[in-house]
Amino acid sequence: MAQVWNHISTARSLSEWFMPNDLIAQPGYVFNLQSPFGTSLCTVLNVQPEKELSFSWDADGWIVTFSLSSFNDLTVFTVTHAGWKNADDIVPKTNQPQGRVRNFMSQGWYGMLQQLKETF
């Protein structure tokens, strides 16, 4: 579990599979995330080493949580991207409806998680 934790909780490793960032896994830390739509300010909300890291993403109410748990001898990694509004509401940074952005991001999460999985 420690190996996976290091890949989700340090700026360098997170940049390898997610997006460029300057994360420090410390509650309250404000960091930059370089998304395809530009720079987003994020704030670390919760850190439980080898268990959970959560952060707010930009100003639209999104919360991303990375959770780790064990199942037999495996590490289970769960991503929750919460805070979505109504499908027709516009995401200001993209000027596109929430539903379209959510579908785009779902595909992105899938690809990024596949890339992370290949690391192990």
PDB file of N, CA and C in Angstrom:
ATOM      1  N   MET A   1       0.813  -1.188   0.000  1.00  0.00           N
ATOM      2  CA  MET A   1       0.000   0.000   0.000  1.00  0.00           C
ATOM      3  C   MET A   1       0.864   1.263   0.000  1.00  0.00           C
ATOM      4  N   ALA A   2       2.011   1.203   0.639  1.00  0.00           N
ATOM      5  CA  ALA A   2       2.905   2.364   0.693  1.00  0.00           C
ATOM      6  C   ALA A   2       3.356   2.788  -0.696  1.00  0.00           C
ATOM      7  N   GLN A   3       3.606   1.811  -1.554  1.00  0.00           N
ATOM      8  CA  GLN A   3       4.054   2.120  -2.909  1.00  0.00           C
ATOM      9  C   GLN A   3       2.971   2.872  -3.694  1.00  0.00           C
ATOM     10  N   VAL A   4       1.736   2.440  -3.570  1.00  0.00           N
ATOM     11  CA  VAL A   4       0.635   3.129  -4.243  1.00  0.00           C
ATOM     12  C   VAL A   4       0.450   4.508  -3.626  1.00  0.00           C
ATOM     13  N   TRP A   5       0.505   4.602  -2.308  1.00  0.00           N
ATOM     14  CA  TRP A   5       0.359   5.893  -1.639  1.00  0.00           C
ATOM     15  C   TRP A   5       1.372   6.897  -2.190  1.00  0.00           C
ATOM     16  N   ASN A   6       2.604   6.483  -2.365  1.00  0.00           N
ATOM     17  CA  ASN A   6       3.626   7.388  -2.890  1.00  0.00           C
ATOM     18  C   ASN A   6       3.298   7.858  -4.308  1.00  0.00           C
ATOM     19  N   HIS A   7       2.584   7.045  -5.071  1.00  0.00           N
ATOM     20  CA  HIS A   7       2.218   7.430  -6.435  1.00  0.00           C
ATOM     21  C   HIS A   7       1.012   8.362  -6.503  1.00  0.00           C
ATOM     22  N   ILE A   8       0.306   8.518  -5.400  1.00  0.00           N
ATOM     23  CA  ILE A   8      -0.856   9.403  -5.414  1.00  0.00           C
ATOM     24  C   ILE A   8      -0.691  10.617  -4.505  1.00  0.00           C
ATOM     25  N   SER A   9       0.373  10.681  -3.735  1.00  0.00           N
ATOM     26  CA  SER A   9       0.482  11.739  -2.733  1.00  0.00           C
ATOM     27  C   SER A   9       1.710  12.631  -2.868  1.00  0.00           C
ATOM     28  N   THR A  10       2.479  12.467  -3.933  1.00  0.00           N
ATOM     29  CA  THR A  10       3.620  13.349  -4.159  1.00  0.00           C
ATOM     30  C   THR A  10       3.462  14.004  -5.526  1.00  0.00           C
ATOM     31  N   ALA A  11       3.860  15.245  -5.624  1.00  0.00           N
ATOM     32  CA  ALA A  11       3.701  16.002  -6.876  1.00  0.00           C
ATOM     33  C   ALA A  11       4.365  15.290  -8.052  1.00  0.00           C
ATOM     34  N   ARG A  12       5.571  14.821  -7.847  1.00  0.00           N
ATOM     35  CA  ARG A  12       6.309  14.191  -8.943  1.00  0.00           C
ATOM     36  C   ARG A  12       5.589  12.940  -9.462  1.00  0.00           C
ATOM     37  N   SER A  13       5.228  12.045  -8.564  1.00  0.00           N
ATOM     38  CA  SER A  13       4.567  10.806  -8.982  1.00  0.00           C
ATOM     39  C   SER A  13       3.164  11.062  -9.517  1.00  0.00           C
ATOM     40  N   LEU A  14       2.442  11.976  -8.898  1.00  0.00           N
ATOM     41  CA  LEU A  14       1.101  12.303  -9.373  1.00  0.00           C
ATOM     42  C   LEU A  14       1.157  12.890 -10.779  1.00  0.00           C
ATOM     43  N   SER A  15       2.193  13.656 -11.059  1.00  0.00           N
ATOM     44  CA  SER A  15       2.362  14.234 -12.402  1.00  0.00           C
ATOM     45  C   SER A  15       2.605  13.171 -13.462  1.00  0.00           C
ATOM     46  N   GLU A  16       3.170  12.044 -13.062  1.00  0.00           N
ATOM     47  CA  GLU A  16       3.472  10.980 -14.021  1.00  0.00           C
ATOM     48  C   GLU A  16       2.219  10.334 -14.594  1.00  0.00           C
ATOM     49  N   TRP A  17       1.131  10.258 -13.817  1.00  0.00           N
ATOM     50  CA  TRP A  17      -0.065   9.570 -14.305  1.00  0.00           C
ATOM     51  C   TRP A  17      -1.315  10.446 -14.333  1.00  0.00           C
ATOM     52  N   PHE A  18      -1.294  11.559 -13.628  1.00  0.00           N
ATOM     53  CA  PHE A  18      -2.476  12.409 -13.548  1.00  0.00           C
ATOM     54  C   PHE A  18      -2.251  13.685 -14.344  1.00  0.00           C
ATOM     55  N   MET A  19      -1.835  14.746 -13.686  1.00  0.00           N
ATOM     56  CA  MET A  19      -1.583  16.026 -14.351  1.00  0.00           C
ATOM     57  C   MET A  19      -0.446  16.728 -13.618  1.00  0.00           C
ATOM     58  N   PRO A  20       0.284  17.606 -14.328  1.00  0.00           N
ATOM     59  CA  PRO A  20       1.339  18.373 -13.653  1.00  0.00           C
ATOM     60  C   PRO A  20       0.747  19.157 -12.482  1.00  0.00           C
ATOM     61  N   ASN A  21       1.500  19.222 -11.386  1.00  0.00           N
ATOM     62  CA  ASN A  21       1.001  19.860 -10.171  1.00  0.00           C
ATOM     63  C   ASN A  21       2.157  20.191  -9.252  1.00  0.00           C
ATOM     64  N   ASP A  22       1.856  20.928  -8.204  1.00  0.00           N
ATOM     65  CA  ASP A  22       2.861  21.205  -7.173  1.00  0.00           C
ATOM     66  C   ASP A  22       2.298  20.851  -5.785  1.00  0.00           C
ATOM     67  N   LEU A  23       1.647  19.710  -5.722  1.00  0.00           N
ATOM     68  CA  LEU A  23       1.014  19.208  -4.506  1.00  0.00           C
ATOM     69  C   LEU A  23       2.016  18.970  -3.388  1.00  0.00           C
ATOM     70  N   ILE A  24       1.620  19.355  -2.200  1.00  0.00           N
ATOM     71  CA  ILE A  24       2.228  18.892  -0.959  1.00  0.00           C
ATOM     72  C   ILE A  24       1.053  18.345  -0.154  1.00  0.00           C
ATOM     73  N   ALA A  25       1.116  17.074   0.208  1.00  0.00           N
ATOM     74  CA  ALA A  25       0.000  16.400   0.873  1.00  0.00           C
ATOM     75  C   ALA A  25      -0.084  16.827   2.332  1.00  0.00           C
ATOM     76  N   GLN A  26      -0.609  18.035   2.517  1.00  0.00           N
ATOM     77  CA  GLN A  26      -0.757  18.623   3.843  1.00  0.00           C
ATOM     78  C   GLN A  26      -2.087  19.356   3.861  1.00  0.00           C
ATOM     79  N   PRO A  27      -2.974  19.053   4.802  1.00  0.00           N
ATOM     80  CA  PRO A  27      -4.276  19.731   4.836  1.00  0.00           C
ATOM     81  C   PRO A  27      -4.140  21.248   4.804  1.00  0.00           C
ATOM     82  N   GLY A  28      -4.950  21.871   3.957  1.00  0.00           N
ATOM     83  CA  GLY A  28      -4.935  23.319   3.806  1.00  0.00           C
ATOM     84  C   GLY A  28      -3.985  23.830   2.743  1.00  0.00           C
ATOM     85  N   TYR A  29      -3.100  22.954   2.250  1.00  0.00           N
ATOM     86  CA  TYR A  29      -2.124  23.394   1.250  1.00  0.00           C
ATOM     87  C   TYR A  29      -2.834  23.699  -0.067  1.00  0.00           C
ATOM     88  N   VAL A  30      -2.561  24.875  -0.618  1.00  0.00           N
ATOM     89  CA  VAL A  30      -3.133  25.286  -1.902  1.00  0.00           C
ATOM     90  C   VAL A  30      -2.094  24.994  -2.977  1.00  0.00           C
ATOM     91  N   PHE A  31      -2.523  24.265  -4.015  1.00  0.00           N
ATOM     92  CA  PHE A  31      -1.596  23.895  -5.071  1.00  0.00           C
ATOM     93  C   PHE A  31      -2.219  24.113  -6.447  1.00  0.00           C
ATOM     94  N   ASN A  32      -1.365  24.105  -7.458  1.00  0.00           N
ATOM     95  CA  ASN A  32      -1.791  24.282  -8.838  1.00  0.00           C
ATOM     96  C   ASN A  32      -1.858  22.937  -9.537  1.00  0.00           C
ATOM     97  N   LEU A  33      -2.901  22.762 -10.318  1.00  0.00           N
ATOM     98  CA  LEU A  33      -3.077  21.571 -11.137  1.00  0.00           C
ATOM     99  C   LEU A  33      -3.213  22.049 -12.572  1.00  0.00           C
ATOM    100  N   GLN A  34      -2.377  21.527 -13.453  1.00  0.00           N
ATOM    101  CA  GLN A  34      -2.388  21.938 -14.862  1.00  0.00           C
ATOM    102  C   GLN A  34      -3.281  20.995 -15.652  1.00  0.00           C
ATOM    103  N   SER A  35      -4.535  21.370 -15.846  1.00  0.00           N
ATOM    104  CA  SER A  35      -5.481  20.534 -16.581  1.00  0.00           C
ATOM    105  C   SER A  35      -5.491  20.933 -18.054  1.00  0.00           C
ATOM    106  N   PRO A  36      -6.159  20.154 -18.899  1.00  0.00           N
ATOM    107  CA  PRO A  36      -6.268  20.537 -20.308  1.00  0.00           C
ATOM    108  C   PRO A  36      -6.991  21.876 -20.502  1.00  0.00           C
ATOM    109  N   PHE A  37      -7.697  22.350 -19.473  1.00  0.00           N
ATOM    110  CA  PHE A  37      -8.438  23.605 -19.566  1.00  0.00           C
ATOM    111  C   PHE A  37      -7.702  24.766 -18.910  1.00  0.00           C
ATOM    112  N   GLY A  38      -6.459  24.549 -18.505  1.00  0.00           N
ATOM    113  CA  GLY A  38      -5.675  25.602 -17.867  1.00  0.00           C
ATOM    114  C   GLY A  38      -5.364  25.271 -16.420  1.00  0.00           C
ATOM    115  N   THR A  39      -4.775  26.219 -15.736  1.00  0.00           N
ATOM    116  CA  THR A  39      -4.386  26.037 -14.347  1.00  0.00           C
ATOM    117  C   THR A  39      -5.604  26.099 -13.433  1.00  0.00           C
ATOM    118  N   SER A  40      -5.673  25.168 -12.509  1.00  0.00           N
ATOM    119  CA  SER A  40      -6.728  25.141 -11.504  1.00  0.00           C
ATOM    120  C   SER A  40      -6.098  25.222 -10.125  1.00  0.00           C
ATOM    121  N   LEU A  41      -6.652  26.085  -9.282  1.00  0.00           N
ATOM    122  CA  LEU A  41      -6.229  26.126  -7.894  1.00  0.00           C
ATOM    123  C   LEU A  41      -6.969  25.036  -7.132  1.00  0.00           C
ATOM    124  N   CYS A  42      -6.228  24.283  -6.352  1.00  0.00           N
ATOM    125  CA  CYS A  42      -6.782  23.190  -5.559  1.00  0.00           C
ATOM    126  C   CYS A  42      -6.334  23.375  -4.113  1.00  0.00           C
ATOM    127  N   THR A  43      -7.107  22.818  -3.195  1.00  0.00           N
ATOM    128  CA  THR A  43      -6.751  22.867  -1.775  1.00  0.00           C
ATOM    129  C   THR A  43      -6.855  21.463  -1.205  1.00  0.00           C
ATOM    130  N   VAL A  44      -5.792  21.025  -0.529  1.00  0.00           N
ATOM    131  CA  VAL A  44      -5.814  19.719   0.130  1.00  0.00           C
ATOM    132  C   VAL A  44      -6.791  19.799   1.300  1.00  0.00           C
ATOM    133  N   LEU A  45      -7.749  18.889   1.310  1.00  0.00           N
ATOM    134  CA  LEU A  45      -8.771  18.872   2.354  1.00  0.00           C
ATOM    135  C   LEU A  45      -8.495  17.851   3.439  1.00  0.00           C
ATOM    136  N   ASN A  46      -8.028  16.666   3.040  1.00  0.00           N
ATOM    137  CA  ASN A  46      -7.835  15.591   4.005  1.00  0.00           C
ATOM    138  C   ASN A  46      -6.645  14.738   3.588  1.00  0.00           C
ATOM    139  N   VAL A  47      -5.841  14.373   4.553  1.00  0.00           N
ATOM    140  CA  VAL A  47      -4.721  13.457   4.330  1.00  0.00           C
ATOM    141  C   VAL A  47      -4.717  12.444   5.466  1.00  0.00           C
ATOM    142  N   GLN A  48      -4.854  11.186   5.096  1.00  0.00           N
ATOM    143  CA  GLN A  48      -4.679  10.077   6.028  1.00  0.00           C
ATOM    144  C   GLN A  48      -3.671   9.151   5.358  1.00  0.00           C
ATOM    145  N   PRO A  49      -2.397   9.248   5.729  1.00  0.00           N
ATOM    146  CA  PRO A  49      -1.356   8.498   5.026  1.00  0.00           C
ATOM    147  C   PRO A  49      -1.724   7.031   4.803  1.00  0.00           C
ATOM    148  N   GLU A  50      -1.494   6.616   3.567  1.00  0.00           N
ATOM    149  CA  GLU A  50      -1.761   5.261   3.085  1.00  0.00           C
ATOM    150  C   GLU A  50      -3.240   4.894   3.145  1.00  0.00           C
ATOM    151  N   LYS A  51      -4.122   5.890   3.307  1.00  0.00           N
ATOM    152  CA  LYS A  51      -5.562   5.630   3.319  1.00  0.00           C
ATOM    153  C   LYS A  51      -6.341   6.579   2.413  1.00  0.00           C
ATOM    154  N   GLU A  52      -6.104   7.906   2.545  1.00  0.00           N
ATOM    155  CA  GLU A  52      -6.933   8.836   1.789  1.00  0.00           C
ATOM    156  C   GLU A  52      -6.257  10.183   1.593  1.00  0.00           C
ATOM    157  N   LEU A  53      -6.485  10.729   0.404  1.00  0.00           N
ATOM    158  CA  LEU A  53      -6.081  12.092   0.065  1.00  0.00           C
ATOM    159  C   LEU A  53      -7.262  12.709  -0.670  1.00  0.00           C
ATOM    160  N   SER A  54      -7.725  13.865  -0.199  1.00  0.00           N
ATOM    161  CA  SER A  54      -8.799  14.537  -0.913  1.00  0.00           C
ATOM    162  C   SER A  54      -8.439  16.005  -1.092  1.00  0.00           C
ATOM    163  N   PHE A  55      -8.948  16.572  -2.188  1.00  0.00           N
ATOM    164  CA  PHE A  55      -8.694  17.980  -2.467  1.00  0.00           C
ATOM    165  C   PHE A  55      -9.854  18.579  -3.251  1.00  0.00           C
ATOM    166  N   SER A  56     -10.031  19.893  -3.041  1.00  0.00           N
ATOM    167  CA  SER A  56     -10.985  20.628  -3.871  1.00  0.00           C
ATOM    168  C   SER A  56     -10.272  20.912  -5.186  1.00  0.00           C
ATOM    169  N   TRP A  57     -11.054  20.941  -6.268  1.00  0.00           N
ATOM    170  CA  TRP A  57     -10.471  21.175  -7.589  1.00  0.00           C
ATOM    171  C   TRP A  57     -11.171  22.376  -8.200  1.00  0.00           C
ATOM    172  N   ASP A  58     -10.439  23.463  -8.318  1.00  0.00           N
ATOM    173  CA  ASP A  58     -10.928  24.695  -8.907  1.00  0.00           C
ATOM    174  C   ASP A  58     -12.035  25.292  -8.042  1.00  0.00           C
ATOM    175  N   ALA A  59     -12.832  26.177  -8.593  1.00  0.00           N
ATOM    176  CA  ALA A  59     -13.819  26.921  -7.809  1.00  0.00           C
ATOM    177  C   ALA A  59     -15.250  26.481  -8.087  1.00  0.00           C
ATOM    178  N   ASP A  60     -15.429  25.366  -8.780  1.00  0.00           N
ATOM    179  CA  ASP A  60     -16.774  24.968  -9.180  1.00  0.00           C
ATOM    180  C   ASP A  60     -17.401  23.940  -8.232  1.00  0.00           C
ATOM    181  N   GLY A  61     -16.726  23.616  -7.135  1.00  0.00           N
ATOM    182  CA  GLY A  61     -17.295  22.709  -6.145  1.00  0.00           C
ATOM    183  C   GLY A  61     -16.875  21.255  -6.268  1.00  0.00           C
ATOM    184  N   TRP A  62     -15.928  20.960  -7.152  1.00  0.00           N
ATOM    185  CA  TRP A  62     -15.485  19.574  -7.289  1.00  0.00           C
ATOM    186  C   TRP A  62     -14.598  19.169  -6.119  1.00  0.00           C
ATOM    187  N   ILE A  63     -14.785  17.945  -5.672  1.00  0.00           N
ATOM    188  CA  ILE A  63     -13.926  17.346  -4.648  1.00  0.00           C
ATOM    189  C   ILE A  63     -13.439  16.011  -5.209  1.00  0.00           C
ATOM    190  N   VAL A  64     -12.136  15.814  -5.212  1.00  0.00           N
ATOM    191  CA  VAL A  64     -11.537  14.557  -5.661  1.00  0.00           C
ATOM    192  C   VAL A  64     -10.966  13.857  -4.438  1.00  0.00           C
ATOM    193  N   THR A  65     -11.302  12.572  -4.306  1.00  0.00           N
ATOM    194  CA  THR A  65     -10.788  11.778  -3.193  1.00  0.00           C
ATOM    195  C   THR A  65     -10.135  10.524  -3.742  1.00  0.00           C
ATOM    196  N   PHE A  66      -8.911  10.300  -3.332  1.00  0.00           N
ATOM    197  CA  PHE A  66      -8.185   9.066  -3.626  1.00  0.00           C
ATOM    198  C   PHE A  66      -8.196   8.243  -2.342  1.00  0.00           C
ATOM    199  N   SER A  67      -8.750   7.048  -2.396  1.00  0.00           N
ATOM    200  CA  SER A  67      -8.830   6.185  -1.216  1.00  0.00           C
ATOM    201  C   SER A  67      -8.112   4.870  -1.468  1.00  0.00           C
ATOM    202  N   LEU A  68      -7.428   4.387  -0.448  1.00  0.00           N
ATOM    203  CA  LEU A  68      -6.740   3.106  -0.516  1.00  0.00           C
ATOM    204  C   LEU A  68      -7.309   2.170   0.541  1.00  0.00           C
ATOM    205  N   SER A  69      -7.475   0.920   0.169  1.00  0.00           N
ATOM    206  CA  SER A  69      -7.882  -0.117   1.115  1.00  0.00           C
ATOM    207  C   SER A  69      -7.232  -1.426   0.678  1.00  0.00           C
ATOM    208  N   SER A  70      -7.382  -2.437   1.509  1.00  0.00           N
ATOM    209  CA  SER A  70      -6.796  -3.742   1.211  1.00  0.00           C
ATOM    210  C   SER A  70      -7.882  -4.754   0.922  1.00  0.00           C
ATOM    211  N   PHE A  71      -7.563  -5.667   0.030  1.00  0.00           N
ATOM    212  CA  PHE A  71      -8.432  -6.813  -0.231  1.00  0.00           C
ATOM    213  C   PHE A  71      -7.507  -7.985  -0.500  1.00  0.00           C
ATOM    214  N   ASN A  72      -7.513  -8.957   0.411  1.00  0.00           N
ATOM    215  CA  ASN A  72      -6.536 -10.059   0.377  1.00  0.00           C
ATOM    216  C   ASN A  72      -5.151  -9.440   0.374  1.00  0.00           C
ATOM    217  N   ASP A  73      -4.329  -9.737  -0.598  1.00  0.00           N
ATOM    218  CA  ASP A  73      -2.985  -9.156  -0.648  1.00  0.00           C
ATOM    219  C   ASP A  73      -2.891  -7.998  -1.638  1.00  0.00           C
ATOM    220  N   LEU A  74      -4.040  -7.470  -2.053  1.00  0.00           N
ATOM    221  CA  LEU A  74      -4.072  -6.405  -3.059  1.00  0.00           C
ATOM    222  C   LEU A  74      -4.379  -5.052  -2.431  1.00  0.00           C
ATOM    223  N   THR A  75      -3.919  -4.001  -3.094  1.00  0.00           N
ATOM    224  CA  THR A  75      -4.294  -2.644  -2.720  1.00  0.00           C
ATOM    225  C   THR A  75      -5.402  -2.201  -3.658  1.00  0.00           C
ATOM    226  N   VAL A  76      -6.500  -1.742  -3.088  1.00  0.00           N
ATOM    227  CA  VAL A  76      -7.634  -1.248  -3.868  1.00  0.00           C
ATOM    228  C   VAL A  76      -7.556   0.276  -3.874  1.00  0.00           C
ATOM    229  N   PHE A  77      -7.534   0.860  -5.060  1.00  0.00           N
ATOM    230  CA  PHE A  77      -7.457   2.308  -5.226  1.00  0.00           C
ATOM    231  C   PHE A  77      -8.780   2.787  -5.806  1.00  0.00           C
ATOM    232  N   THR A  78      -9.447   3.682  -5.077  1.00  0.00           N
ATOM    233  CA  THR A  78     -10.739   4.203  -5.500  1.00  0.00           C
ATOM    234  C   THR A  78     -10.633   5.710  -5.691  1.00  0.00           C
ATOM    235  N   VAL A  79     -11.139   6.195  -6.818  1.00  0.00           N
ATOM    236  CA  VAL A  79     -11.198   7.625  -7.091  1.00  0.00           C
ATOM    237  C   VAL A  79     -12.661   8.050  -7.062  1.00  0.00           C
ATOM    238  N   THR A  80     -12.941   9.090  -6.304  1.00  0.00           N
ATOM    239  CA  THR A  80     -14.274   9.690  -6.292  1.00  0.00           C
ATOM    240  C   THR A  80     -14.133  11.136  -6.726  1.00  0.00           C
ATOM    241  N   HIS A  81     -14.853  11.497  -7.778  1.00  0.00           N
ATOM    242  CA  HIS A  81     -14.859  12.872  -8.275  1.00  0.00           C
ATOM    243  C   HIS A  81     -16.277  13.391  -8.049  1.00  0.00           C
ATOM    244  N   ALA A  82     -16.466  14.119  -6.969  1.00  0.00           N
ATOM    245  CA  ALA A  82     -17.800  14.569  -6.546  1.00  0.00           C
ATOM    246  C   ALA A  82     -17.964  16.071  -6.777  1.00  0.00           C
ATOM    247  N   GLY A  83     -19.181  16.525  -6.539  1.00  0.00           N
ATOM    248  CA  GLY A  83     -19.454  17.956  -6.623  1.00  0.00           C
ATOM    249  C   GLY A  83     -20.043  18.405  -7.946  1.00  0.00           C
ATOM    250  N   TRP A  84     -20.497  17.452  -8.742  1.00  0.00           N
ATOM    251  CA  TRP A  84     -21.087  17.794 -10.034  1.00  0.00           C
ATOM    252  C   TRP A  84     -22.433  18.464  -9.833  1.00  0.00           C
ATOM    253  N   LYS A  85     -22.731  19.399 -10.689  1.00  0.00           N
ATOM    254  CA  LYS A  85     -24.018  20.094 -10.664  1.00  0.00           C
ATOM    255  C   LYS A  85     -24.931  19.473 -11.721  1.00  0.00           C
ATOM    256  N   ASN A  86     -26.022  20.128 -12.031  1.00  0.00           N
ATOM    257  CA  ASN A  86     -26.948  19.637 -13.061  1.00  0.00           C
ATOM    258  C   ASN A  86     -26.242  19.521 -14.407  1.00  0.00           C
ATOM    259  N   ALA A  87     -26.619  18.520 -15.176  1.00  0.00           N
ATOM    260  CA  ALA A  87     -25.948  18.231 -16.454  1.00  0.00           C
ATOM    261  C   ALA A  87     -25.928  19.409 -17.413  1.00  0.00           C
ATOM    262  N   ASP A  88     -26.925  20.281 -17.352  1.00  0.00           N
ATOM    263  CA  ASP A  88     -26.992  21.420 -18.276  1.00  0.00           C
ATOM    264  C   ASP A  88     -26.289  22.671 -17.759  1.00  0.00           C
ATOM    265  N   ASP A  89     -25.903  22.686 -16.492  1.00  0.00           N
ATOM    266  CA  ASP A  89     -25.188  23.843 -15.952  1.00  0.00           C
ATOM    267  C   ASP A  89     -23.832  23.967 -16.637  1.00  0.00           C
ATOM    268  N   ILE A  90     -23.399  25.184 -16.861  1.00  0.00           N
ATOM    269  CA  ILE A  90     -22.136  25.437 -17.561  1.00  0.00           C
ATOM    270  C   ILE A  90     -20.965  25.430 -16.580  1.00  0.00           C
ATOM    271  N   VAL A  91     -19.893  24.740 -16.949  1.00  0.00           N
ATOM    272  CA  VAL A  91     -18.637  24.789 -16.203  1.00  0.00           C
ATOM    273  C   VAL A  91     -17.902  26.024 -16.716  1.00  0.00           C
ATOM    274  N   PRO A  92     -17.712  27.041 -15.874  1.00  0.00           N
ATOM    275  CA  PRO A  92     -17.151  28.303 -16.349  1.00  0.00           C
ATOM    276  C   PRO A  92     -15.820  28.185 -17.093  1.00  0.00           C
ATOM    277  N   LYS A  93     -14.909  27.392 -16.586  1.00  0.00           N
ATOM    278  CA  LYS A  93     -13.576  27.311 -17.194  1.00  0.00           C
ATOM    279  C   LYS A  93     -13.623  26.734 -18.611  1.00  0.00           C
ATOM    280  N   THR A  94     -14.584  25.840 -18.856  1.00  0.00           N
ATOM    281  CA  THR A  94     -14.656  25.184 -20.167  1.00  0.00           C
ATOM    282  C   THR A  94     -15.741  25.775 -21.061  1.00  0.00           C
ATOM    283  N   ASN A  95     -16.678  26.511 -20.446  1.00  0.00           N
ATOM    284  CA  ASN A  95     -17.835  27.050 -21.155  1.00  0.00           C
ATOM    285  C   ASN A  95     -18.647  25.943 -21.827  1.00  0.00           C
ATOM    286  N   GLN A  96     -18.683  24.784 -21.174  1.00  0.00           N
ATOM    287  CA  GLN A  96     -19.426  23.631 -21.670  1.00  0.00           C
ATOM    288  C   GLN A  96     -20.322  23.102 -20.548  1.00  0.00           C
ATOM    289  N   PRO A  97     -21.389  22.375 -20.901  1.00  0.00           N
ATOM    290  CA  PRO A  97     -22.283  21.836 -19.879  1.00  0.00           C
ATOM    291  C   PRO A  97     -21.586  20.794 -19.000  1.00  0.00           C
ATOM    292  N   GLN A  98     -22.004  20.747 -17.742  1.00  0.00           N
ATOM    293  CA  GLN A  98     -21.462  19.793 -16.776  1.00  0.00           C
ATOM    294  C   GLN A  98     -21.495  18.366 -17.320  1.00  0.00           C
ATOM    295  N   GLY A  99     -22.598  17.973 -17.946  1.00  0.00           N
ATOM    296  CA  GLY A  99     -22.726  16.607 -18.461  1.00  0.00           C
ATOM    297  C   GLY A  99     -21.651  16.260 -19.465  1.00  0.00           C
ATOM    298  N   ARG A 100     -21.362  17.185 -20.368  1.00  0.00           N
ATOM    299  CA  ARG A 100     -20.315  16.948 -21.381  1.00  0.00           C
ATOM    300  C   ARG A 100     -18.940  16.867 -20.720  1.00  0.00           C
ATOM    301  N   VAL A 101     -18.671  17.778 -19.785  1.00  0.00           N
ATOM    302  CA  VAL A 101     -17.380  17.779 -19.095  1.00  0.00           C
ATOM    303  C   VAL A 101     -17.238  16.507 -18.267  1.00  0.00           C
ATOM    304  N   ARG A 102     -18.319  16.098 -17.630  1.00  0.00           N
ATOM    305  CA  ARG A 102     -18.264  14.873 -16.815  1.00  0.00           C
ATOM    306  C   ARG A 102     -17.930  13.662 -17.686  1.00  0.00           C
ATOM    307  N   ASN A 103     -18.546  13.545 -18.844  1.00  0.00           N
ATOM    308  CA  ASN A 103     -18.237  12.432 -19.751  1.00  0.00           C
ATOM    309  C   ASN A 103     -16.784  12.482 -20.202  1.00  0.00           C
ATOM    310  N   PHE A 104     -16.310  13.669 -20.552  1.00  0.00           N
ATOM    311  CA  PHE A 104     -14.915  13.851 -20.968  1.00  0.00           C
ATOM    312  C   PHE A 104     -13.973  13.419 -19.842  1.00  0.00           C
ATOM    313  N   MET A 105     -14.281  13.867 -18.625  1.00  0.00           N
ATOM    314  CA  MET A 105     -13.415  13.548 -17.488  1.00  0.00           C
ATOM    315  C   MET A 105     -13.490  12.071 -17.115  1.00  0.00           C
ATOM    316  N   SER A 106     -14.648  11.457 -17.271  1.00  0.00           N
ATOM    317  CA  SER A 106     -14.754  10.015 -16.995  1.00  0.00           C
ATOM    318  C   SER A 106     -13.805   9.231 -17.889  1.00  0.00           C
ATOM    319  N   GLN A 107     -13.750   9.604 -19.153  1.00  0.00           N
ATOM    320  CA  GLN A 107     -12.822   8.952 -20.077  1.00  0.00           C
ATOM    321  C   GLN A 107     -11.383   9.226 -19.675  1.00  0.00           C
ATOM    322  N   GLY A 108     -11.132  10.460 -19.245  1.00  0.00           N
ATOM    323  CA  GLY A 108      -9.788  10.819 -18.800  1.00  0.00           C
ATOM    324  C   GLY A 108      -9.368  10.035 -17.567  1.00  0.00           C
ATOM    325  N   TRP A 109     -10.270   9.920 -16.595  1.00  0.00           N
ATOM    326  CA  TRP A 109      -9.952   9.139 -15.398  1.00  0.00           C
ATOM    327  C   TRP A 109      -9.628   7.701 -15.784  1.00  0.00           C
ATOM    328  N   TYR A 110     -10.428   7.121 -16.659  1.00  0.00           N
ATOM    329  CA  TYR A 110     -10.191   5.740 -17.074  1.00  0.00           C
ATOM    330  C   TYR A 110      -8.777   5.593 -17.652  1.00  0.00           C
ATOM    331  N   GLY A 111      -8.411   6.471 -18.561  1.00  0.00           N
ATOM    332  CA  GLY A 111      -7.090   6.395 -19.178  1.00  0.00           C
ATOM    333  C   GLY A 111      -5.964   6.601 -18.180  1.00  0.00           C
ATOM    334  N   MET A 112      -6.132   7.561 -17.294  1.00  0.00           N
ATOM    335  CA  MET A 112      -5.083   7.827 -16.304  1.00  0.00           C
ATOM    336  C   MET A 112      -4.933   6.665 -15.330  1.00  0.00           C
ATOM    337  N   LEU A 113      -6.051   6.074 -14.926  1.00  0.00           N
ATOM    338  CA  LEU A 113      -5.969   4.943 -14.003  1.00  0.00           C
ATOM    339  C   LEU A 113      -5.358   3.719 -14.668  1.00  0.00           C
ATOM    340  N   GLN A 114      -5.604   3.532 -15.958  1.00  0.00           N
ATOM    341  CA  GLN A 114      -4.953   2.449 -16.685  1.00  0.00           C
ATOM    342  C   GLN A 114      -3.434   2.663 -16.693  1.00  0.00           C
ATOM    343  N   GLN A 115      -3.035   3.908 -16.899  1.00  0.00           N
ATOM    344  CA  GLN A 115      -1.609   4.241 -16.893  1.00  0.00           C
ATOM    345  C   GLN A 115      -1.003   3.972 -15.516  1.00  0.00           C
ATOM    346  N   LEU A 116      -1.705   4.363 -14.455  1.00  0.00           N
ATOM    347  CA  LEU A 116      -1.210   4.092 -13.102  1.00  0.00           C
ATOM    348  C   LEU A 116      -1.120   2.600 -12.847  1.00  0.00           C
ATOM    349  N   LYS A 117      -2.115   1.861 -13.274  1.00  0.00           N
ATOM    350  CA  LYS A 117      -2.150   0.406 -13.077  1.00  0.00           C
ATOM    351  C   LYS A 117      -0.914  -0.255 -13.722  1.00  0.00           C
ATOM    352  N   GLU A 118      -0.517   0.225 -14.879  1.00  0.00           N
ATOM    353  CA  GLU A 118       0.642  -0.348 -15.587  1.00  0.00           C
ATOM    354  C   GLU A 118       1.946  -0.130 -14.820  1.00  0.00           C
ATOM    355  N   THR A 119       1.959   0.854 -13.919  1.00  0.00           N
ATOM    356  CA  THR A 119       3.138   1.123 -13.088  1.00  0.00           C
ATOM    357  C   THR A 119       3.411  -0.021 -12.135  1.00  0.00           C
ATOM    358  N   PHE A 120       2.337  -0.721 -11.765  1.00  0.00           N
ATOM    359  CA  PHE A 120       2.460  -1.795 -10.788  1.00  0.00           C
ATOM    360  C   PHE A 120       2.311  -3.116 -11.465  1.00  0.00           C
TER     361      PHE A 120
END
